[in-house]
Amino acid sequence: MKIERIEAHVIRVPFDMGAAPRTFAGMNWTSVDSLFVRVVTDEGVVGWGEGWGHVACPATVATLTSLVGPAFIGRDAGDRTTLMDEMQHRFHIHGRTGPAMYALSAIEIALWDIAGKVAGQPIATLLGSRPRELDAYASLLRYSEPELVAGAVERALGQGFTHIKLHEERLDSIQAARRAAGPSTWLALDTNCPWSVSQAIERARALEPLQLAWLEEPVWPPEDRHGLARVRSSTTTPIAAGENAMSVFDLASMFEARAIDICQPSVIKFGGIAAVVHAAALAKAHAIDYVPHCFYFGPGYLASLHLACALAPQWPFELFFGTLQASPYHDAVRARAGRVTVPSGPGLGIEPDEAVISKYRLGDVAVIGR
C-alpha cells in the first residue's frame, strides 16, 4: 500500500472566549488556525494527521510541501516504523524541532490512522487499551484581569468542568481563580515560560497556599532543565513541562536532571504517536507522570485523546476552552459535563467533515503527489 498523495489544509475557525479578545503567546485569539494533513494511498485508504499550527501553519506547510512530503510519495504506508526512522535521520539537519518535525508529526499521525483503518481498530486499541470516557480539564486562555479570570472559571464550572487550567502570570488573577473555583476544585497553572529561575522560585512559593495540581513551564528559557530542577526542589507544588521538548532524548535530560514531576509532550510537535509512546514509557521508568499537551482541535487532538486513553486515563485531558464556530469533528471535540469520549471507530475513530474544512480553509489545498 503506497502513499500516492499528501494534502495540506489550513483552516481558520473563529471562536468566542467569553471576554474581550486577548493577545497571548504572540497571537490574537479571536480564531484558531489548524493544519490538517491528508495522506492518500493507492488502495484508497486515507489517513489524517495534524502538524503544529496556529501562526506557524505557513512555515509547516512550506516545509511539508517543498521538503518533507515529497520524500514519502511512493513509499509503503504500512512500514511506518522503518519509514519514520529513515525520515527522522534524513531531515535531522533541518533541526530536531520546528517545521520539519511538525510536518513529520502530521504524516506519522496519518499513518497511524491508516494502520487503524486497515486493522479495523481504534488507535487506543492498537496501543493496548479500549475507547472510554475521560475526565477533561478546561484549558483557559489568558484573561489577565482578576475579574475576567474569575468569570472564565465560573463559566467552566457552569459547563460541568471540575478540572481547570489557567494561563496566567499575575498572582492576584490566580488567587481570584482559586476563590471562584473554591478550595476543592482541581486547578493547574501554565505560565508559558515567563520567569528567571529566581523569579520562578519566588512565585512558586507564593503560589503554594493555592494548592495547584501543577505549575507548568515557569522558567525561561524552557530548555533550562537545571534551572527548572532548582525551582522543583524549592516548592511543594508539582512541576510540569515538556510541550517544547524536541525529542525523547531532550525529555530524558529533563528526567535525569530531576526537573519535572509531569511530562507533557505535544504529539503534533514531537514526532507523532510512537515518539510520545516512547517518551511515556521512559517517564514511567523515572517515576514521572505523562499527561498530553493538547491545545488544538484537529487530528492531533484525536491522537492525543487515544494516547491519554491508553497511557494516562487517570489524568484529566486538556480541552481548549473556547466556543468554536464550527469543527470538522463536530461534538467529538466538545466536553459533556466535563468529560470527553474517545471515539471507537477505526484509526483516529472519526472522519473529519470535509465540508467544514472547505468552508474554513485558508487558500487552496497544497498537494504533493498526484
Protein backbone atom coordinates (compact mmCIF):
# COMPACT_ATOMS: atom_id res chain seq x y z
CA MET A 1 0.00 0.00 0.00
CA LYS A 2 1.86 3.04 -1.31
CA ILE A 3 1.49 6.69 -0.41
CA GLU A 4 0.46 8.50 -3.59
CA ARG A 5 -0.76 11.90 -2.39
CA ILE A 6 -0.41 14.24 0.59
CA GLU A 7 -2.60 17.30 1.05
CA ALA A 8 -2.25 20.24 3.44
CA HIS A 9 -5.42 22.06 4.51
CA VAL A 10 -5.02 25.15 6.72
CA ILE A 11 -8.29 26.15 8.34
CA ARG A 12 -9.16 29.18 10.43
CA VAL A 13 -12.12 28.90 12.79
CA PRO A 14 -13.42 31.87 14.81
CA PHE A 15 -14.29 31.25 18.42
CA ASP A 16 -15.74 33.01 21.44
CA MET A 17 -13.63 33.10 24.58
CA GLY A 18 -16.37 34.77 26.59
CA ALA A 19 -14.50 38.03 27.19
CA ALA A 20 -12.64 40.74 25.35
CA PRO A 21 -10.01 39.28 22.96
CA ARG A 22 -6.53 38.97 24.39
CA THR A 23 -3.14 38.75 22.70
CA PHE A 24 -1.43 35.66 24.06
CA ALA A 25 1.77 33.87 23.01
CA GLY A 26 2.13 36.17 20.01
CA MET A 27 -1.37 35.50 18.70
CA ASN A 28 -4.63 37.40 18.66
CA TRP A 29 -7.01 34.79 19.97
CA THR A 30 -10.22 35.51 18.11
CA SER A 31 -9.72 32.50 15.84
CA VAL A 32 -7.65 29.33 15.71
CA ASP A 33 -5.56 28.18 12.73
CA SER A 34 -5.00 24.44 12.31
CA LEU A 35 -3.11 22.35 9.77
CA PHE A 36 -4.97 19.21 8.68
CA VAL A 37 -2.82 16.82 6.61
CA ARG A 38 -4.48 14.16 4.44
CA VAL A 39 -2.44 11.15 3.29
CA VAL A 40 -3.93 9.10 0.44
CA THR A 41 -2.76 5.60 -0.53
CA ASP A 42 -3.01 3.79 -3.85
CA GLU A 43 -5.53 1.40 -2.26
CA GLY A 44 -7.87 4.23 -1.36
CA VAL A 45 -7.21 4.17 2.41
CA VAL A 46 -6.91 7.73 3.69
CA GLY A 47 -5.30 8.94 6.91
CA TRP A 48 -5.48 12.31 8.62
CA GLY A 49 -2.76 13.99 10.65
CA GLU A 50 -2.01 17.39 12.11
CA GLY A 51 1.20 19.41 12.33
CA TRP A 52 1.80 22.16 14.84
CA GLY A 53 -0.18 25.11 13.64
CA HIS A 54 -1.53 28.42 14.92
CA VAL A 55 0.64 31.20 13.42
CA ALA A 56 3.26 28.57 12.46
CA CYS A 57 0.97 26.96 9.86
CA PRO A 58 2.51 28.70 6.82
CA ALA A 59 6.03 27.58 7.79
CA THR A 60 4.90 24.00 8.41
CA VAL A 61 3.02 23.88 5.08
CA ALA A 62 6.03 25.24 3.19
CA THR A 63 8.29 22.61 4.74
CA LEU A 64 5.76 19.85 4.17
CA THR A 65 5.22 20.65 0.51
CA SER A 66 8.77 21.51 -0.52
CA LEU A 67 10.90 19.19 1.61
CA VAL A 68 9.29 16.54 3.78
CA GLY A 69 6.17 15.44 1.90
CA PRO A 70 7.82 14.55 -1.44
CA ALA A 71 10.09 12.05 0.32
CA PHE A 72 7.03 9.99 1.34
CA ILE A 73 5.46 9.68 -2.11
CA GLY A 74 5.63 6.11 -3.37
CA ARG A 75 6.68 4.72 0.00
CA ASP A 76 4.95 1.87 1.88
CA ALA A 77 2.34 3.29 4.26
CA GLY A 78 2.30 0.02 6.22
CA ASP A 79 6.01 0.13 7.11
CA ARG A 80 5.50 3.02 9.48
CA THR A 81 8.30 2.42 12.00
CA THR A 82 11.04 1.88 9.44
CA LEU A 83 9.81 4.76 7.30
CA MET A 84 9.67 7.25 10.16
CA ASP A 85 13.10 6.23 11.45
CA GLU A 86 14.51 6.83 7.98
CA MET A 87 12.83 10.22 7.67
CA GLN A 88 13.94 11.34 11.12
CA HIS A 89 17.54 10.67 10.06
CA ARG A 90 17.04 12.21 6.64
CA PHE A 91 15.71 15.52 7.91
CA HIS A 92 17.60 15.95 11.18
CA ILE A 93 19.91 18.50 9.59
CA HIS A 94 16.95 20.91 9.40
CA GLY A 95 16.56 20.86 13.17
CA ARG A 96 15.14 18.47 15.74
CA THR A 97 12.20 20.77 16.33
CA GLY A 98 10.39 23.29 14.18
CA PRO A 99 8.59 22.94 10.84
CA ALA A 100 10.36 19.78 9.66
CA MET A 101 9.43 17.93 12.85
CA TYR A 102 5.90 19.33 12.76
CA ALA A 103 5.47 18.04 9.19
CA LEU A 104 6.85 14.62 10.16
CA SER A 105 4.47 14.54 13.13
CA ALA A 106 1.47 15.17 10.87
CA ILE A 107 2.38 12.39 8.47
CA GLU A 108 3.15 9.94 11.27
CA ILE A 109 -0.27 10.50 12.85
CA ALA A 110 -1.91 9.96 9.46
CA LEU A 111 -0.02 6.67 9.06
CA TRP A 112 -1.39 5.51 12.43
CA ASP A 113 -4.87 6.48 11.24
CA ILE A 114 -4.31 4.35 8.14
CA ALA A 115 -2.98 1.45 10.23
CA GLY A 116 -6.06 1.52 12.46
CA LYS A 117 -8.36 1.54 9.46
CA VAL A 118 -6.57 -1.40 7.88
CA ALA A 119 -6.77 -3.31 11.18
CA GLY A 120 -10.36 -2.22 11.83
CA GLN A 121 -9.31 -0.98 15.29
CA PRO A 122 -9.11 2.42 17.02
CA ILE A 123 -5.62 3.65 17.82
CA ALA A 124 -6.34 3.29 21.55
CA THR A 125 -6.79 -0.44 20.96
CA LEU A 126 -3.59 -0.63 18.91
CA LEU A 127 -1.91 0.89 21.97
CA GLY A 128 -3.38 -1.77 24.25
CA SER A 129 -6.46 -0.03 25.64
CA ARG A 130 -10.07 0.48 24.64
CA PRO A 131 -12.07 3.66 23.98
CA ARG A 132 -13.76 5.14 27.03
CA GLU A 133 -14.82 8.41 28.60
CA LEU A 134 -12.15 10.55 30.25
CA ASP A 135 -12.33 13.49 32.60
CA ALA A 136 -11.31 16.71 30.86
CA TYR A 137 -9.86 19.92 32.16
CA ALA A 138 -10.91 23.25 30.72
CA SER A 139 -7.73 24.85 29.40
CA LEU A 140 -8.45 28.56 29.62
CA LEU A 141 -6.78 31.30 27.61
CA ARG A 142 -5.10 34.23 29.33
CA TYR A 143 -7.56 36.81 30.63
CA SER A 144 -5.05 38.73 32.80
CA GLU A 145 -7.51 40.78 34.84
CA PRO A 146 -8.76 39.10 38.04
CA GLU A 147 -12.45 39.68 37.32
CA LEU A 148 -12.12 38.23 33.80
CA VAL A 149 -10.22 35.20 35.08
CA ALA A 150 -12.84 34.59 37.79
CA GLY A 151 -15.61 34.91 35.23
CA ALA A 152 -13.96 32.35 32.93
CA VAL A 153 -13.58 29.91 35.83
CA GLU A 154 -17.25 30.35 36.71
CA ARG A 155 -18.25 29.65 33.09
CA ALA A 156 -16.18 26.48 33.08
CA LEU A 157 -17.75 25.31 36.32
CA GLY A 158 -21.17 26.12 34.89
CA GLN A 159 -20.43 23.85 31.93
CA GLY A 160 -19.73 20.93 34.26
CA PHE A 161 -15.93 21.05 34.44
CA THR A 162 -14.41 20.06 37.75
CA HIS A 163 -10.84 20.43 36.46
CA ILE A 164 -9.47 23.76 35.20
CA LYS A 165 -6.11 25.04 33.96
CA LEU A 166 -5.17 28.71 33.90
CA HIS A 167 -2.70 30.51 31.65
CA GLU A 168 -1.94 33.43 33.95
CA GLU A 169 1.12 35.12 35.45
CA ARG A 170 -0.32 37.61 37.93
CA LEU A 171 -0.71 36.39 41.49
CA ASP A 172 -3.91 38.39 42.03
CA SER A 173 -5.52 36.80 38.96
CA ILE A 174 -4.55 33.29 40.06
CA GLN A 175 -5.88 33.98 43.55
CA ALA A 176 -9.14 35.23 42.00
CA ALA A 177 -9.40 31.97 40.07
CA ARG A 178 -8.98 29.93 43.24
CA ARG A 179 -11.65 31.94 45.02
CA ALA A 180 -14.03 31.47 42.10
CA ALA A 181 -13.27 27.76 41.84
CA GLY A 182 -13.50 27.04 45.55
CA PRO A 183 -10.93 25.23 47.66
CA SER A 184 -11.58 21.70 46.36
CA THR A 185 -11.65 22.22 42.58
CA TRP A 186 -8.67 20.78 40.69
CA LEU A 187 -6.74 23.82 39.46
CA ALA A 188 -3.50 23.83 37.45
CA LEU A 189 -1.43 26.73 36.15
CA ASP A 190 0.53 27.10 32.89
CA THR A 191 2.67 30.25 32.81
CA ASN A 192 4.35 29.70 29.39
CA CYS A 193 7.97 30.28 30.42
CA PRO A 194 7.90 33.89 31.73
CA TRP A 195 10.41 33.99 34.60
CA SER A 196 14.05 33.68 35.53
CA VAL A 197 14.91 30.87 37.93
CA SER A 198 14.98 33.16 40.95
CA GLN A 199 11.69 34.77 39.95
CA ALA A 200 10.11 31.35 39.40
CA ILE A 201 11.21 30.16 42.84
CA GLU A 202 9.72 33.27 44.44
CA ARG A 203 6.43 32.89 42.50
CA ALA A 204 6.19 29.16 43.16
CA ARG A 205 6.48 29.70 46.89
CA ALA A 206 3.86 32.45 46.78
CA LEU A 207 1.50 30.11 44.95
CA GLU A 208 1.80 27.19 47.39
CA PRO A 209 -1.24 28.19 49.51
CA LEU A 210 -3.43 27.86 46.40
CA GLN A 211 -2.82 24.09 46.25
CA LEU A 212 -2.28 23.88 42.49
CA ALA A 213 -2.31 20.50 40.75
CA TRP A 214 0.86 21.60 38.99
CA LEU A 215 2.88 24.63 37.94
CA GLU A 216 3.70 24.38 34.24
CA GLU A 217 6.71 25.86 32.45
CA PRO A 218 7.63 28.60 34.93
CA VAL A 219 11.20 29.14 33.65
CA TRP A 220 12.66 30.97 30.65
CA PRO A 221 14.12 29.52 28.53
CA PRO A 222 12.18 26.22 28.51
CA GLU A 223 15.33 24.18 27.85
CA ASP A 224 16.92 25.30 31.13
CA ARG A 225 16.25 21.99 32.82
CA HIS A 226 18.79 22.59 35.60
CA GLY A 227 17.12 25.88 36.45
CA LEU A 228 13.76 24.14 36.39
CA ALA A 229 15.17 21.50 38.73
CA ARG A 230 16.09 24.26 41.18
CA VAL A 231 12.51 25.50 41.09
CA ARG A 232 11.16 21.99 41.63
CA SER A 233 13.41 21.45 44.65
CA SER A 234 12.24 24.75 46.14
CA THR A 235 8.48 24.20 46.11
CA THR A 236 5.87 21.68 47.21
CA THR A 237 3.85 22.25 44.01
CA PRO A 238 4.45 19.61 41.30
CA ILE A 239 6.28 20.94 38.22
CA ALA A 240 5.12 20.13 34.69
CA ALA A 241 6.82 20.76 31.34
CA GLY A 242 7.58 19.16 28.00
CA GLU A 243 5.41 20.70 25.30
CA ASN A 244 8.55 22.43 23.96
CA ALA A 245 10.74 19.33 24.20
CA MET A 246 12.24 18.43 20.85
CA SER A 247 12.68 14.66 21.28
CA VAL A 248 12.64 11.73 23.66
CA PHE A 249 16.30 12.44 24.41
CA ASP A 250 15.53 16.04 25.25
CA LEU A 251 12.87 14.86 27.70
CA ALA A 252 15.29 12.27 29.11
CA SER A 253 17.69 15.05 30.07
CA MET A 254 14.85 16.70 31.99
CA PHE A 255 14.15 13.42 33.78
CA GLU A 256 17.81 12.94 34.66
CA ALA A 257 18.05 16.49 35.98
CA ARG A 258 15.02 15.80 38.23
CA ALA A 259 13.43 18.88 36.73
CA ILE A 260 9.78 17.77 36.49
CA ASP A 261 7.07 15.66 38.06
CA ILE A 262 4.85 15.59 34.94
CA CYS A 263 5.93 15.43 31.28
CA GLN A 264 3.74 16.86 28.53
CA PRO A 265 5.00 16.12 25.02
CA SER A 266 2.84 17.51 22.23
CA VAL A 267 2.12 14.83 19.62
CA ILE A 268 1.94 17.32 16.73
CA LYS A 269 5.33 18.83 17.61
CA PHE A 270 7.21 15.83 18.92
CA GLY A 271 7.33 13.40 16.00
CA GLY A 272 3.96 11.73 16.32
CA ILE A 273 2.34 8.93 18.29
CA ALA A 274 5.22 6.46 18.53
CA ALA A 275 7.57 9.14 19.86
CA VAL A 276 5.08 10.02 22.60
CA VAL A 277 4.63 6.33 23.49
CA HIS A 278 8.42 6.06 23.87
CA ALA A 279 8.53 9.21 26.00
CA ALA A 280 5.70 8.00 28.25
CA ALA A 281 7.46 4.67 28.84
CA LEU A 282 10.70 6.44 29.72
CA ALA A 283 8.84 8.80 32.03
CA LYS A 284 7.28 5.85 33.83
CA ALA A 285 10.73 4.34 34.37
CA HIS A 286 11.72 7.61 36.08
CA ALA A 287 8.52 7.72 38.20
CA ILE A 288 7.30 10.74 36.23
CA ASP A 289 3.72 11.05 35.02
CA TYR A 290 2.81 11.52 31.37
CA VAL A 291 -0.06 13.91 30.61
CA PRO A 292 -0.66 15.01 26.99
CA HIS A 293 -0.32 18.61 25.92
CA CYS A 294 -3.28 19.28 23.62
CA PHE A 295 -4.10 22.90 22.86
CA TYR A 296 -5.60 22.13 19.44
CA PHE A 297 -8.70 20.50 17.98
CA GLY A 298 -7.77 18.65 14.75
CA PRO A 299 -6.43 15.13 14.15
CA GLY A 300 -3.74 15.84 16.75
CA TYR A 301 -6.49 16.26 19.32
CA LEU A 302 -7.84 12.81 18.49
CA ALA A 303 -4.34 11.30 18.54
CA SER A 304 -3.77 12.85 21.96
CA LEU A 305 -7.11 11.50 23.14
CA HIS A 306 -6.16 7.94 22.14
CA LEU A 307 -2.76 8.34 23.82
CA ALA A 308 -4.40 9.62 27.01
CA CYS A 309 -6.85 6.74 26.94
CA ALA A 310 -4.06 4.17 26.67
CA LEU A 311 -1.33 5.80 28.76
CA ALA A 312 -2.86 8.38 31.12
CA PRO A 313 -6.53 7.58 31.77
CA GLN A 314 -6.22 8.61 35.43
CA TRP A 315 -5.41 12.22 34.49
CA PRO A 316 -7.86 14.80 33.16
CA PHE A 317 -7.41 15.53 29.46
CA GLU A 318 -6.64 19.04 28.18
CA LEU A 319 -9.52 20.66 26.30
CA PHE A 320 -9.25 24.08 24.69
CA PHE A 321 -11.85 26.27 26.44
CA GLY A 322 -13.48 28.37 23.77
CA THR A 323 -16.68 28.08 21.79
CA LEU A 324 -15.65 27.22 18.24
CA GLN A 325 -17.89 28.49 15.47
CA ALA A 326 -17.52 25.05 13.86
CA SER A 327 -15.33 21.97 13.98
CA PRO A 328 -14.61 19.33 11.35
CA TYR A 329 -15.21 16.82 14.16
CA HIS A 330 -18.37 18.48 15.47
CA ASP A 331 -19.17 17.29 19.02
CA ALA A 332 -16.14 14.99 19.24
CA VAL A 333 -14.02 17.94 20.39
CA ARG A 334 -16.51 19.12 23.00
CA ALA A 335 -16.97 18.02 26.58
CA ARG A 336 -20.20 16.89 28.15
CA ALA A 337 -20.38 17.59 31.86
CA GLY A 338 -16.60 17.88 31.97
CA ARG A 339 -15.92 14.59 30.19
CA VAL A 340 -14.76 13.68 26.70
CA THR A 341 -15.31 10.46 24.76
CA VAL A 342 -12.59 8.59 22.90
CA PRO A 343 -14.14 7.71 19.52
CA SER A 344 -14.36 3.98 18.89
CA GLY A 345 -14.17 3.89 15.09
CA PRO A 346 -11.05 2.57 13.34
CA GLY A 347 -7.89 4.68 13.34
CA LEU A 348 -8.45 8.10 14.88
CA GLY A 349 -12.04 6.97 15.33
CA ILE A 350 -13.94 9.56 13.31
CA GLU A 351 -13.60 11.19 9.90
CA PRO A 352 -13.48 14.98 9.62
CA ASP A 353 -16.33 16.77 7.92
CA GLU A 354 -14.66 17.93 4.71
CA ALA A 355 -17.43 20.44 4.08
CA VAL A 356 -16.37 22.24 7.26
CA ILE A 357 -12.72 22.06 6.19
CA SER A 358 -13.62 23.56 2.80
CA LYS A 359 -15.70 26.33 4.35
CA TYR A 360 -12.97 27.50 6.72
CA ARG A 361 -9.90 26.69 4.60
CA LEU A 362 -7.39 29.49 4.01
CA GLY A 363 -6.47 29.47 0.34
CA ASP A 364 -6.04 26.45 -1.89
CA VAL A 365 -5.16 22.91 -0.86
CA ALA A 366 -1.42 22.32 -1.07
CA VAL A 367 -0.84 18.99 -2.85
CA ILE A 368 2.16 16.68 -3.03
CA GLY A 369 1.97 13.74 -5.45
CA ARG A 370 -1.00 13.10 -7.71
